PDB file of N, CA and C in Angstrom:
ATOM      1  N   MET A   1      46.841  63.443  -4.805  1.00  0.00           N
ATOM      2  CA  MET A   1      45.778  64.482  -4.317  1.00  0.00           C
ATOM      3  C   MET A   1      45.230  63.862  -2.992  1.00  0.00           C
ATOM      4  N   GLY A   2      45.311  64.780  -1.934  1.00  0.00           N
ATOM      5  CA  GLY A   2      44.949  64.291  -0.398  1.00  0.00           C
ATOM      6  C   GLY A   2      43.394  64.319  -0.482  1.00  0.00           C
ATOM      7  N   SER A   3      42.824  64.047   0.689  1.00  0.00           N
ATOM      8  CA  SER A   3      41.486  64.064   0.866  1.00  0.00           C
ATOM      9  C   SER A   3      40.931  65.430   0.871  1.00  0.00           C
ATOM     10  N   ARG A   4      39.681  65.541   0.510  1.00  0.00           N
ATOM     11  CA  ARG A   4      39.216  66.955   0.698  1.00  0.00           C
ATOM     12  C   ARG A   4      38.838  67.512   1.938  1.00  0.00           C
ATOM     13  N   LYS A   5      38.974  68.717   2.097  1.00  0.00           N
ATOM     14  CA  LYS A   5      38.684  69.293   3.499  1.00  0.00           C
ATOM     15  C   LYS A   5      37.542  70.137   3.618  1.00  0.00           C
ATOM     16  N   VAL A   6      36.922  70.048   4.883  1.00  0.00           N
ATOM     17  CA  VAL A   6      35.631  70.989   4.965  1.00  0.00           C
ATOM     18  C   VAL A   6      35.616  71.677   6.427  1.00  0.00           C
ATOM     19  N   LEU A   7      35.373  72.921   6.514  1.00  0.00           N
ATOM     20  CA  LEU A   7      35.147  73.801   7.696  1.00  0.00           C
ATOM     21  C   LEU A   7      33.773  73.835   8.015  1.00  0.00           C
ATOM     22  N   ILE A   8      33.236  73.263   9.077  1.00  0.00           N
ATOM     23  CA  ILE A   8      31.833  73.502   9.424  1.00  0.00           C
ATOM     24  C   ILE A   8      31.737  74.375  10.555  1.00  0.00           C
ATOM     25  N   VAL A   9      31.082  75.398  10.446  1.00  0.00           N
ATOM     26  CA  VAL A   9      30.856  76.503  11.412  1.00  0.00           C
ATOM     27  C   VAL A   9      29.544  76.675  11.694  1.00  0.00           C
ATOM     28  N   ASP A  10      29.145  76.465  13.184  1.00  0.00           N
ATOM     29  CA  ASP A  10      27.807  76.537  13.717  1.00  0.00           C
ATOM     30  C   ASP A  10      27.855  76.488  15.086  1.00  0.00           C
ATOM     31  N   ASP A  11      27.066  77.209  15.714  1.00  0.00           N
ATOM     32  CA  ASP A  11      27.046  77.481  17.276  1.00  0.00           C
ATOM     33  C   ASP A  11      26.375  76.239  17.695  1.00  0.00           C
ATOM     34  N   SER A  12      25.579  75.513  17.095  1.00  0.00           N
ATOM     35  CA  SER A  12      24.996  74.439  17.598  1.00  0.00           C
ATOM     36  C   SER A  12      25.767  73.048  17.381  1.00  0.00           C
ATOM     37  N   LYS A  13      26.041  72.499  18.575  1.00  0.00           N
ATOM     38  CA  LYS A  13      26.949  71.272  18.402  1.00  0.00           C
ATOM     39  C   LYS A  13      26.232  70.088  17.921  1.00  0.00           C
ATOM     40  N   ALA A  14      24.906  69.986  18.022  1.00  0.00           N
ATOM     41  CA  ALA A  14      24.025  69.071  17.355  1.00  0.00           C
ATOM     42  C   ALA A  14      24.160  69.123  15.744  1.00  0.00           C
ATOM     43  N   VAL A  15      24.202  70.279  15.217  1.00  0.00           N
ATOM     44  CA  VAL A  15      24.345  70.491  13.830  1.00  0.00           C
ATOM     45  C   VAL A  15      25.905  70.029  13.342  1.00  0.00           C
ATOM     46  N   VAL A  16      26.851  70.574  14.203  1.00  0.00           N
ATOM     47  CA  VAL A  16      28.203  70.257  13.903  1.00  0.00           C
ATOM     48  C   VAL A  16      28.434  68.804  13.805  1.00  0.00           C
ATOM     49  N   ASP A  17      27.869  68.150  14.994  1.00  0.00           N
ATOM     50  CA  ASP A  17      28.100  66.662  15.149  1.00  0.00           C
ATOM     51  C   ASP A  17      27.517  65.922  13.912  1.00  0.00           C
ATOM     52  N   ALA A  18      26.343  66.163  13.486  1.00  0.00           N
ATOM     53  CA  ALA A  18      25.621  65.552  12.382  1.00  0.00           C
ATOM     54  C   ALA A  18      26.416  65.828  11.169  1.00  0.00           C
ATOM     55  N   LEU A  19      26.787  67.066  10.733  1.00  0.00           N
ATOM     56  CA  LEU A  19      27.488  67.304   9.631  1.00  0.00           C
ATOM     57  C   LEU A  19      28.953  66.558   9.607  1.00  0.00           C
ATOM     58  N   THR A  20      29.609  66.538  10.755  1.00  0.00           N
ATOM     59  CA  THR A  20      30.803  65.888  10.796  1.00  0.00           C
ATOM     60  C   THR A  20      30.686  64.487  10.408  1.00  0.00           C
ATOM     61  N   VAL A  21      29.785  63.708  11.036  1.00  0.00           N
ATOM     62  CA  VAL A  21      29.639  62.355  10.767  1.00  0.00           C
ATOM     63  C   VAL A  21      29.479  62.135   9.253  1.00  0.00           C
ATOM     64  N   ALA A  22      28.507  63.066   8.629  1.00  0.00           N
ATOM     65  CA  ALA A  22      28.223  62.798   7.146  1.00  0.00           C
ATOM     66  C   ALA A  22      29.414  63.077   6.322  1.00  0.00           C
ATOM     67  N   PHE A  23      30.167  64.270   6.585  1.00  0.00           N
ATOM     68  CA  PHE A  23      31.300  64.412   5.844  1.00  0.00           C
ATOM     69  C   PHE A  23      32.490  63.525   5.931  1.00  0.00           C
ATOM     70  N   GLU A  24      32.532  62.947   7.200  1.00  0.00           N
ATOM     71  CA  GLU A  24      33.699  62.024   7.492  1.00  0.00           C
ATOM     72  C   GLU A  24      33.403  60.737   6.599  1.00  0.00           C
ATOM     73  N   ASP A  25      32.026  60.330   6.821  1.00  0.00           N
ATOM     74  CA  ASP A  25      31.492  59.190   6.074  1.00  0.00           C
ATOM     75  C   ASP A  25      31.806  59.319   4.392  1.00  0.00           C
ATOM     76  N   ALA A  26      31.782  60.405   3.922  1.00  0.00           N
ATOM     77  CA  ALA A  26      31.983  60.737   2.565  1.00  0.00           C
ATOM     78  C   ALA A  26      33.439  61.017   2.207  1.00  0.00           C
ATOM     79  N   GLY A  27      34.270  60.646   3.279  1.00  0.00           N
ATOM     80  CA  GLY A  27      35.807  60.731   3.009  1.00  0.00           C
ATOM     81  C   GLY A  27      36.507  62.232   3.128  1.00  0.00           C
ATOM     82  N   PHE A  28      35.904  63.048   3.681  1.00  0.00           N
ATOM     83  CA  PHE A  28      36.271  64.410   3.970  1.00  0.00           C
ATOM     84  C   PHE A  28      37.109  64.407   5.214  1.00  0.00           C
ATOM     85  N   GLU A  29      38.175  65.312   5.414  1.00  0.00           N
ATOM     86  CA  GLU A  29      38.678  65.595   6.624  1.00  0.00           C
ATOM     87  C   GLU A  29      37.946  66.805   6.967  1.00  0.00           C
ATOM     88  N   VAL A  30      37.538  66.874   8.405  1.00  0.00           N
ATOM     89  CA  VAL A  30      36.608  67.912   8.931  1.00  0.00           C
ATOM     90  C   VAL A  30      37.117  68.655   9.964  1.00  0.00           C
ATOM     91  N   ALA A  31      37.033  69.934   9.909  1.00  0.00           N
ATOM     92  CA  ALA A  31      37.448  70.933  10.954  1.00  0.00           C
ATOM     93  C   ALA A  31      36.179  71.654  11.307  1.00  0.00           C
ATOM     94  N   THR A  32      36.084  72.175  12.612  1.00  0.00           N
ATOM     95  CA  THR A  32      34.941  72.790  13.076  1.00  0.00           C
ATOM     96  C   THR A  32      35.325  74.046  13.729  1.00  0.00           C
ATOM     97  N   ALA A  33      34.246  74.996  13.776  1.00  0.00           N
ATOM     98  CA  ALA A  33      34.481  76.343  14.380  1.00  0.00           C
ATOM     99  C   ALA A  33      33.199  76.571  15.068  1.00  0.00           C
ATOM    100  N   ALA A  34      33.114  77.369  16.176  1.00  0.00           N
ATOM    101  CA  ALA A  34      31.730  77.653  16.751  1.00  0.00           C
ATOM    102  C   ALA A  34      31.174  78.942  16.522  1.00  0.00           C
ATOM    103  N   ASP A  35      31.992  79.854  15.977  1.00  0.00           N
ATOM    104  CA  ASP A  35      31.543  81.168  15.685  1.00  0.00           C
ATOM    105  C   ASP A  35      32.340  81.805  14.477  1.00  0.00           C
ATOM    106  N   GLY A  36      31.892  82.901  13.925  1.00  0.00           N
ATOM    107  CA  GLY A  36      32.331  83.435  12.833  1.00  0.00           C
ATOM    108  C   GLY A  36      33.983  83.996  13.152  1.00  0.00           C
ATOM    109  N   GLU A  37      34.300  84.383  14.199  1.00  0.00           N
ATOM    110  CA  GLU A  37      35.644  84.879  14.549  1.00  0.00           C
ATOM    111  C   GLU A  37      36.634  83.814  14.358  1.00  0.00           C
ATOM    112  N   GLU A  38      36.347  82.591  14.834  1.00  0.00           N
ATOM    113  CA  GLU A  38      37.043  81.433  14.908  1.00  0.00           C
ATOM    114  C   GLU A  38      37.420  80.888  13.318  1.00  0.00           C
ATOM    115  N   VAL A  39      36.558  81.264  12.334  1.00  0.00           N
ATOM    116  CA  VAL A  39      36.688  80.855  11.025  1.00  0.00           C
ATOM    117  C   VAL A  39      37.949  81.163  10.400  1.00  0.00           C
ATOM    118  N   PHE A  40      38.493  82.437  10.662  1.00  0.00           N
ATOM    119  CA  PHE A  40      39.685  82.994  10.068  1.00  0.00           C
ATOM    120  C   PHE A  40      40.952  82.296  10.493  1.00  0.00           C
ATOM    121  N   ARG A  41      40.986  81.862  11.817  1.00  0.00           N
ATOM    122  CA  ARG A  41      42.201  81.198  12.523  1.00  0.00           C
ATOM    123  C   ARG A  41      42.273  79.816  11.735  1.00  0.00           C
ATOM    124  N   LYS A  42      40.987  78.959  11.548  1.00  0.00           N
ATOM    125  CA  LYS A  42      41.026  77.897  11.027  1.00  0.00           C
ATOM    126  C   LYS A  42      41.256  77.915   9.612  1.00  0.00           C
ATOM    127  N   MET A  43      40.895  78.865   8.684  1.00  0.00           N
ATOM    128  CA  MET A  43      41.041  79.029   7.443  1.00  0.00           C
ATOM    129  C   MET A  43      42.608  79.071   7.095  1.00  0.00           C
ATOM    130  N   ALA A  44      43.334  79.610   7.877  1.00  0.00           N
ATOM    131  CA  ALA A  44      44.802  79.709   7.646  1.00  0.00           C
ATOM    132  C   ALA A  44      45.433  78.460   7.972  1.00  0.00           C
ATOM    133  N   SER A  45      44.941  77.596   8.952  1.00  0.00           N
ATOM    134  CA  SER A  45      45.600  76.319   9.353  1.00  0.00           C
ATOM    135  C   SER A  45      45.107  75.105   8.554  1.00  0.00           C
ATOM    136  N   VAL A  46      43.822  75.137   8.281  1.00  0.00           N
ATOM    137  CA  VAL A  46      43.164  74.085   7.571  1.00  0.00           C
ATOM    138  C   VAL A  46      43.288  74.109   6.126  1.00  0.00           C
ATOM    139  N   GLU A  47      43.097  75.380   5.618  1.00  0.00           N
ATOM    140  CA  GLU A  47      42.947  75.442   4.043  1.00  0.00           C
ATOM    141  C   GLU A  47      41.753  74.660   3.417  1.00  0.00           C
ATOM    142  N   PRO A  48      40.492  74.816   3.844  1.00  0.00           N
ATOM    143  CA  PRO A  48      39.498  73.980   3.409  1.00  0.00           C
ATOM    144  C   PRO A  48      38.994  74.127   1.915  1.00  0.00           C
ATOM    145  N   ASP A  49      38.540  73.121   1.320  1.00  0.00           N
ATOM    146  CA  ASP A  49      38.120  73.215   0.008  1.00  0.00           C
ATOM    147  C   ASP A  49      36.592  73.782   0.020  1.00  0.00           C
ATOM    148  N   ALA A  50      35.984  73.764   1.297  1.00  0.00           N
ATOM    149  CA  ALA A  50      34.637  74.185   1.347  1.00  0.00           C
ATOM    150  C   ALA A  50      34.350  74.492   2.771  1.00  0.00           C
ATOM    151  N   VAL A  51      33.498  75.582   3.043  1.00  0.00           N
ATOM    152  CA  VAL A  51      33.112  76.012   4.261  1.00  0.00           C
ATOM    153  C   VAL A  51      31.557  76.005   4.265  1.00  0.00           C
ATOM    154  N   LEU A  52      31.062  75.358   5.503  1.00  0.00           N
ATOM    155  CA  LEU A  52      29.570  75.491   5.661  1.00  0.00           C
ATOM    156  C   LEU A  52      29.433  76.417   6.913  1.00  0.00           C
ATOM    157  N   LEU A  53      28.662  77.439   6.671  1.00  0.00           N
ATOM    158  CA  LEU A  53      28.598  78.546   7.735  1.00  0.00           C
ATOM    159  C   LEU A  53      26.887  78.688   8.025  1.00  0.00           C
ATOM    160  N   ASP A  54      26.684  78.749   9.313  1.00  0.00           N
ATOM    161  CA  ASP A  54      25.356  79.120   9.877  1.00  0.00           C
ATOM    162  C   ASP A  54      25.442  80.499   9.655  1.00  0.00           C
ATOM    163  N   VAL A  55      24.274  81.152   9.295  1.00  0.00           N
ATOM    164  CA  VAL A  55      24.120  82.609   9.184  1.00  0.00           C
ATOM    165  C   VAL A  55      24.143  83.231  10.637  1.00  0.00           C
ATOM    166  N   TYR A  56      23.412  82.733  11.508  1.00  0.00           N
ATOM    167  CA  TYR A  56      23.081  83.390  12.833  1.00  0.00           C
ATOM    168  C   TYR A  56      23.963  82.745  13.804  1.00  0.00           C
ATOM    169  N   MET A  57      25.304  83.550  14.100  1.00  0.00           N
ATOM    170  CA  MET A  57      26.208  82.932  15.088  1.00  0.00           C
ATOM    171  C   MET A  57      26.571  84.153  15.863  1.00  0.00           C
ATOM    172  N   PRO A  58      27.193  83.815  17.163  1.00  0.00           N
ATOM    173  CA  PRO A  58      27.713  84.987  17.926  1.00  0.00           C
ATOM    174  C   PRO A  58      29.087  85.588  17.394  1.00  0.00           C
ATOM    175  N   ARG A  59      29.271  86.786  17.652  1.00  0.00           N
ATOM    176  CA  ARG A  59      30.400  87.393  17.390  1.00  0.00           C
ATOM    177  C   ARG A  59      30.409  88.078  15.986  1.00  0.00           C
ATOM    178  N   LEU A  60      30.339  87.092  14.894  1.00  0.00           N
ATOM    179  CA  LEU A  60      30.533  87.405  13.608  1.00  0.00           C
ATOM    180  C   LEU A  60      29.488  86.660  12.797  1.00  0.00           C
ATOM    181  N   ASN A  61      28.491  87.057  12.276  1.00  0.00           N
ATOM    182  CA  ASN A  61      27.542  86.199  11.546  1.00  0.00           C
ATOM    183  C   ASN A  61      27.978  85.560  10.230  1.00  0.00           C
ATOM    184  N   GLY A  62      27.336  84.395   9.933  1.00  0.00           N
ATOM    185  CA  GLY A  62      27.846  83.950   8.545  1.00  0.00           C
ATOM    186  C   GLY A  62      27.783  84.519   7.347  1.00  0.00           C
ATOM    187  N   ALA A  63      26.854  85.503   7.247  1.00  0.00           N
ATOM    188  CA  ALA A  63      26.923  86.479   5.935  1.00  0.00           C
ATOM    189  C   ALA A  63      28.124  87.375   5.939  1.00  0.00           C
ATOM    190  N   ASP A  64      28.350  87.983   7.086  1.00  0.00           N
ATOM    191  CA  ASP A  64      29.640  88.823   7.061  1.00  0.00           C
ATOM    192  C   ASP A  64      30.807  87.877   6.829  1.00  0.00           C
ATOM    193  N   VAL A  65      31.042  86.810   7.373  1.00  0.00           N
ATOM    194  CA  VAL A  65      32.182  85.953   7.128  1.00  0.00           C
ATOM    195  C   VAL A  65      32.132  85.530   5.630  1.00  0.00           C
ATOM    196  N   CYS A  66      31.053  85.295   4.986  1.00  0.00           N
ATOM    197  CA  CYS A  66      31.043  85.034   3.527  1.00  0.00           C
ATOM    198  C   CYS A  66      31.571  86.147   2.709  1.00  0.00           C
ATOM    199  N   ARG A  67      31.035  87.252   3.193  1.00  0.00           N
ATOM    200  CA  ARG A  67      31.572  88.634   2.442  1.00  0.00           C
ATOM    201  C   ARG A  67      33.016  88.674   2.557  1.00  0.00           C
ATOM    202  N   LEU A  68      33.360  88.525   3.804  1.00  0.00           N
ATOM    203  CA  LEU A  68      35.001  88.783   4.011  1.00  0.00           C
ATOM    204  C   LEU A  68      35.828  87.554   3.151  1.00  0.00           C
ATOM    205  N   LEU A  69      35.427  86.427   3.219  1.00  0.00           N
ATOM    206  CA  LEU A  69      36.213  85.377   2.767  1.00  0.00           C
ATOM    207  C   LEU A  69      36.129  85.581   1.123  1.00  0.00           C
ATOM    208  N   LYS A  70      35.138  85.928   0.590  1.00  0.00           N
ATOM    209  CA  LYS A  70      34.983  86.253  -0.916  1.00  0.00           C
ATOM    210  C   LYS A  70      35.869  87.358  -1.311  1.00  0.00           C
ATOM    211  N   ALA A  71      35.999  88.216  -0.400  1.00  0.00           N
ATOM    212  CA  ALA A  71      36.867  89.576  -0.654  1.00  0.00           C
ATOM    213  C   ALA A  71      38.364  89.133  -0.589  1.00  0.00           C
ATOM    214  N   HIS A  72      38.775  87.941   0.179  1.00  0.00           N
ATOM    215  CA  HIS A  72      40.141  87.579   0.387  1.00  0.00           C
ATOM    216  C   HIS A  72      40.754  87.061  -0.766  1.00  0.00           C
ATOM    217  N   PRO A  73      41.922  87.511  -1.208  1.00  0.00           N
ATOM    218  CA  PRO A  73      42.563  86.859  -2.606  1.00  0.00           C
ATOM    219  C   PRO A  73      42.780  85.366  -2.504  1.00  0.00           C
ATOM    220  N   HIS A  74      43.171  84.782  -1.333  1.00  0.00           N
ATOM    221  CA  HIS A  74      43.478  83.412  -1.217  1.00  0.00           C
ATOM    222  C   HIS A  74      42.306  82.678  -1.038  1.00  0.00           C
ATOM    223  N   TRP A  75      41.239  83.139  -0.468  1.00  0.00           N
ATOM    224  CA  TRP A  75      40.040  82.332  -0.042  1.00  0.00           C
ATOM    225  C   TRP A  75      38.941  82.542  -0.983  1.00  0.00           C
ATOM    226  N   ARG A  76      38.920  83.360  -1.913  1.00  0.00           N
ATOM    227  CA  ARG A  76      37.694  83.649  -2.582  1.00  0.00           C
ATOM    228  C   ARG A  76      37.165  82.538  -3.458  1.00  0.00           C
ATOM    229  N   LYS A  77      38.005  81.643  -3.845  1.00  0.00           N
ATOM    230  CA  LYS A  77      37.422  80.514  -4.653  1.00  0.00           C
ATOM    231  C   LYS A  77      36.893  79.338  -3.825  1.00  0.00           C
ATOM    232  N   THR A  78      37.103  79.503  -2.371  1.00  0.00           N
ATOM    233  CA  THR A  78      36.551  78.510  -1.524  1.00  0.00           C
ATOM    234  C   THR A  78      35.138  78.356  -1.488  1.00  0.00           C
ATOM    235  N   HIS A  79      34.567  77.193  -1.853  1.00  0.00           N
ATOM    236  CA  HIS A  79      33.150  76.849  -1.954  1.00  0.00           C
ATOM    237  C   HIS A  79      32.566  77.202  -0.648  1.00  0.00           C
ATOM    238  N   LEU A  80      31.415  78.005  -0.685  1.00  0.00           N
ATOM    239  CA  LEU A  80      30.857  78.477   0.741  1.00  0.00           C
ATOM    240  C   LEU A  80      29.303  78.153   0.514  1.00  0.00           C
ATOM    241  N   VAL A  81      29.030  77.418   1.790  1.00  0.00           N
ATOM    242  CA  VAL A  81      27.486  77.191   1.836  1.00  0.00           C
ATOM    243  C   VAL A  81      27.008  77.795   3.141  1.00  0.00           C
ATOM    244  N   LEU A  82      25.977  78.633   2.964  1.00  0.00           N
ATOM    245  CA  LEU A  82      25.353  79.275   4.040  1.00  0.00           C
ATOM    246  C   LEU A  82      24.240  78.452   4.528  1.00  0.00           C
ATOM    247  N   MET A  83      23.966  78.410   5.760  1.00  0.00           N
ATOM    248  CA  MET A  83      22.799  77.468   6.394  1.00  0.00           C
ATOM    249  C   MET A  83      21.983  78.344   7.446  1.00  0.00           C
ATOM    250  N   SER A  84      20.622  78.368   7.288  1.00  0.00           N
ATOM    251  CA  SER A  84      20.000  78.951   8.341  1.00  0.00           C
ATOM    252  C   SER A  84      18.559  78.382   8.151  1.00  0.00           C
ATOM    253  N   SER A  85      17.787  78.547   9.236  1.00  0.00           N
ATOM    254  CA  SER A  85      16.315  78.065   9.518  1.00  0.00           C
ATOM    255  C   SER A  85      15.464  79.231   8.954  1.00  0.00           C
ATOM    256  N   ARG A  86      16.080  80.508   8.792  1.00  0.00           N
ATOM    257  CA  ARG A  86      15.274  81.685   8.393  1.00  0.00           C
ATOM    258  C   ARG A  86      15.818  82.023   6.856  1.00  0.00           C
ATOM    259  N   ILE A  87      15.365  81.299   5.902  1.00  0.00           N
ATOM    260  CA  ILE A  87      15.731  81.715   4.621  1.00  0.00           C
ATOM    261  C   ILE A  87      14.533  81.590   3.705  1.00  0.00           C
ATOM    262  N   GLY A  88      14.243  82.676   3.038  1.00  0.00           N
ATOM    263  CA  GLY A  88      13.327  82.705   1.959  1.00  0.00           C
ATOM    264  C   GLY A  88      13.863  83.031   0.835  1.00  0.00           C
ATOM    265  N   GLU A  89      13.219  83.247  -0.351  1.00  0.00           N
ATOM    266  CA  GLU A  89      13.775  83.651  -1.576  1.00  0.00           C
ATOM    267  C   GLU A  89      14.581  84.844  -1.445  1.00  0.00           C
ATOM    268  N   ALA A  90      14.123  86.014  -0.829  1.00  0.00           N
ATOM    269  CA  ALA A  90      15.030  87.136  -0.786  1.00  0.00           C
ATOM    270  C   ALA A  90      16.274  87.040  -0.143  1.00  0.00           C
ATOM    271  N   GLU A  91      16.271  86.251   0.889  1.00  0.00           N
ATOM    272  CA  GLU A  91      17.599  86.085   1.694  1.00  0.00           C
ATOM    273  C   GLU A  91      18.347  85.124   0.879  1.00  0.00           C
ATOM    274  N   ARG A  92      17.842  84.115   0.254  1.00  0.00           N
ATOM    275  CA  ARG A  92      18.609  83.364  -0.644  1.00  0.00           C
ATOM    276  C   ARG A  92      19.417  84.190  -1.747  1.00  0.00           C
ATOM    277  N   ASP A  93      18.700  85.101  -2.448  1.00  0.00           N
ATOM    278  CA  ASP A  93      19.144  85.855  -3.419  1.00  0.00           C
ATOM    279  C   ASP A  93      20.364  86.830  -2.905  1.00  0.00           C
ATOM    280  N   ALA A  94      19.947  87.351  -1.722  1.00  0.00           N
ATOM    281  CA  ALA A  94      21.032  88.305  -0.810  1.00  0.00           C
ATOM    282  C   ALA A  94      22.271  87.417  -0.579  1.00  0.00           C
ATOM    283  N   TYR A  95      22.126  86.332  -0.114  1.00  0.00           N
ATOM    284  CA  TYR A  95      23.325  85.583   0.288  1.00  0.00           C
ATOM    285  C   TYR A  95      24.179  85.232  -0.957  1.00  0.00           C
ATOM    286  N   ARG A  96      23.468  84.850  -2.167  1.00  0.00           N
ATOM    287  CA  ARG A  96      24.315  84.668  -3.215  1.00  0.00           C
ATOM    288  C   ARG A  96      24.966  85.751  -3.821  1.00  0.00           C
ATOM    289  N   ARG A  97      24.459  86.918  -3.717  1.00  0.00           N
ATOM    290  CA  ARG A  97      25.134  88.265  -4.102  1.00  0.00           C
ATOM    291  C   ARG A  97      26.299  88.505  -3.248  1.00  0.00           C
ATOM    292  N   LEU A  98      26.347  88.030  -2.005  1.00  0.00           N
ATOM    293  CA  LEU A  98      27.420  88.118  -1.017  1.00  0.00           C
ATOM    294  C   LEU A  98      28.587  87.191  -1.435  1.00  0.00           C
ATOM    295  N   GLY A  99      28.099  86.041  -2.080  1.00  0.00           N
ATOM    296  CA  GLY A  99      29.217  85.182  -2.647  1.00  0.00           C
ATOM    297  C   GLY A  99      28.905  83.799  -2.301  1.00  0.00           C
ATOM    298  N   ALA A 100      27.790  83.505  -1.608  1.00  0.00           N
ATOM    299  CA  ALA A 100      27.554  82.064  -1.106  1.00  0.00           C
ATOM    300  C   ALA A 100      27.198  81.388  -2.415  1.00  0.00           C
ATOM    301  N   ASP A 101      28.032  80.019  -2.335  1.00  0.00           N
ATOM    302  CA  ASP A 101      27.800  79.179  -3.641  1.00  0.00           C
ATOM    303  C   ASP A 101      26.541  78.514  -3.526  1.00  0.00           C
ATOM    304  N   GLU A 102      26.214  78.173  -2.255  1.00  0.00           N
ATOM    305  CA  GLU A 102      24.691  77.198  -2.011  1.00  0.00           C
ATOM    306  C   GLU A 102      24.220  78.000  -0.841  1.00  0.00           C
ATOM    307  N   VAL A 103      23.002  77.873  -0.767  1.00  0.00           N
ATOM    308  CA  VAL A 103      22.273  78.280   0.640  1.00  0.00           C
ATOM    309  C   VAL A 103      21.356  77.115   0.853  1.00  0.00           C
ATOM    310  N   LEU A 104      21.382  76.665   2.090  1.00  0.00           N
ATOM    311  CA  LEU A 104      20.617  75.557   2.562  1.00  0.00           C
ATOM    312  C   LEU A 104      19.723  75.989   3.612  1.00  0.00           C
ATOM    313  N   ARG A 105      18.556  75.590   3.656  1.00  0.00           N
ATOM    314  CA  ARG A 105      17.564  76.034   4.639  1.00  0.00           C
ATOM    315  C   ARG A 105      17.510  74.758   5.770  1.00  0.00           C
ATOM    316  N   LYS A 106      17.607  75.102   7.083  1.00  0.00           N
ATOM    317  CA  LYS A 106      17.518  74.118   8.076  1.00  0.00           C
ATOM    318  C   LYS A 106      16.073  74.056   8.378  1.00  0.00           C
ATOM    319  N   PRO A 107      15.891  72.879   8.893  1.00  0.00           N
ATOM    320  CA  PRO A 107      16.693  71.606   8.950  1.00  0.00           C
ATOM    321  C   PRO A 107      16.912  70.896   7.488  1.00  0.00           C
ATOM    322  N   PHE A 108      17.902  70.281   7.282  1.00  0.00           N
ATOM    323  CA  PHE A 108      18.098  69.591   6.178  1.00  0.00           C
ATOM    324  C   PHE A 108      18.778  68.379   6.383  1.00  0.00           C
ATOM    325  N   ASP A 109      18.858  67.463   5.498  1.00  0.00           N
ATOM    326  CA  ASP A 109      19.494  66.049   5.781  1.00  0.00           C
ATOM    327  C   ASP A 109      20.945  66.404   5.592  1.00  0.00           C
ATOM    328  N   PRO A 110      21.736  65.956   6.517  1.00  0.00           N
ATOM    329  CA  PRO A 110      23.252  66.222   6.291  1.00  0.00           C
ATOM    330  C   PRO A 110      23.739  65.803   4.895  1.00  0.00           C
ATOM    331  N   ALA A 111      23.096  64.837   4.362  1.00  0.00           N
ATOM    332  CA  ALA A 111      23.508  64.148   2.981  1.00  0.00           C
ATOM    333  C   ALA A 111      23.322  65.431   1.868  1.00  0.00           C
ATOM    334  N   ALA A 112      22.430  66.284   2.111  1.00  0.00           N
ATOM    335  CA  ALA A 112      22.220  67.425   1.143  1.00  0.00           C
ATOM    336  C   ALA A 112      23.463  68.384   1.328  1.00  0.00           C
ATOM    337  N   ALA A 113      23.982  68.678   2.357  1.00  0.00           N
ATOM    338  CA  ALA A 113      25.074  69.358   2.482  1.00  0.00           C
ATOM    339  C   ALA A 113      26.335  68.758   1.816  1.00  0.00           C
ATOM    340  N   VAL A 114      26.445  67.515   2.147  1.00  0.00           N
ATOM    341  CA  VAL A 114      27.632  66.651   1.397  1.00  0.00           C
ATOM    342  C   VAL A 114      27.530  66.896   0.012  1.00  0.00           C
ATOM    343  N   ALA A 115      26.197  66.543  -0.617  1.00  0.00           N
ATOM    344  CA  ALA A 115      26.080  66.764  -1.937  1.00  0.00           C
ATOM    345  C   ALA A 115      26.321  68.179  -2.466  1.00  0.00           C
ATOM    346  N   ALA A 116      26.000  69.161  -1.908  1.00  0.00           N
ATOM    347  CA  ALA A 116      26.146  70.516  -2.145  1.00  0.00           C
ATOM    348  C   ALA A 116      27.685  70.857  -2.178  1.00  0.00           C
ATOM    349  N   VAL A 117      28.495  70.161  -1.609  1.00  0.00           N
ATOM    350  CA  VAL A 117      30.032  70.271  -1.514  1.00  0.00           C
ATOM    351  C   VAL A 117      30.546  69.410  -2.554  1.00  0.00           C
ATOM    352  N   VAL A 118      30.090  68.207  -2.564  1.00  0.00           N
ATOM    353  CA  VAL A 118      30.732  67.131  -3.669  1.00  0.00           C
ATOM    354  C   VAL A 118      30.495  67.618  -5.042  1.00  0.00           C
ATOM    355  N   GLY A 119      29.260  68.269  -5.236  1.00  0.00           N
ATOM    356  CA  GLY A 119      28.945  68.734  -6.621  1.00  0.00           C
ATOM    357  C   GLY A 119      29.714  69.923  -7.126  1.00  0.00           C
ATOM    358  N   ALA A 120      30.546  70.503  -6.151  1.00  0.00           N
ATOM    359  CA  ALA A 120      31.244  71.664  -6.475  1.00  0.00           C
ATOM    360  C   ALA A 120      32.575  71.239  -7.072  1.00  0.00           C
ATOM    361  N   ALA A 121      33.218  72.099  -7.983  1.00  0.00           N
ATOM    362  CA  ALA A 121      34.396  71.842  -8.684  1.00  0.00           C
ATOM    363  C   ALA A 121      35.464  72.006  -7.719  1.00  0.00           C
ATOM    364  N   PRO A 122      36.726  71.179  -7.671  1.00  0.00           N
ATOM    365  CA  PRO A 122      37.822  71.591  -6.860  1.00  0.00           C
ATOM    366  C   PRO A 122      38.200  72.805  -7.034  1.00  0.00           C
ATOM    367  N   ARG A 123      39.007  73.232  -5.808  1.00  0.00           N
ATOM    368  CA  ARG A 123      39.454  74.657  -5.751  1.00  0.00           C
ATOM    369  C   ARG A 123      40.654  74.803  -6.546  1.00  0.00           C
ATOM    370  N   ALA A 124      40.717  75.767  -7.578  1.00  0.00           N
ATOM    371  CA  ALA A 124      41.797  75.924  -8.288  1.00  0.00           C
ATOM    372  C   ALA A 124      43.120  76.618  -7.755  1.00  0.00           C
TER     373      ALA A 124
END
């Protein structure tokens, strides 16, 4: 079995950089995207085990990407983590109904994101 792969999607370079270091240190292969539209190009080429998505991004937001990925037959089992600084209980519940496996409120320690992915079962 090869190393696990994660796709980090955020329009903030600082967030992407911090998460990239944390996931690489944990032994993951990391791919990145800066907006929701880029996710679909990366999904086909990278085939990640997990995707971390910022909710508020240009072009296509993370909630819409989550909904579309969970509706896709090949990608619906991919572990999805939505991230945002604007998350209350109502939003957390709504994102879980869309298919998010985890919802993280920013700011968070990058180790929390790694733990959210490492704790997930491998994709079948």
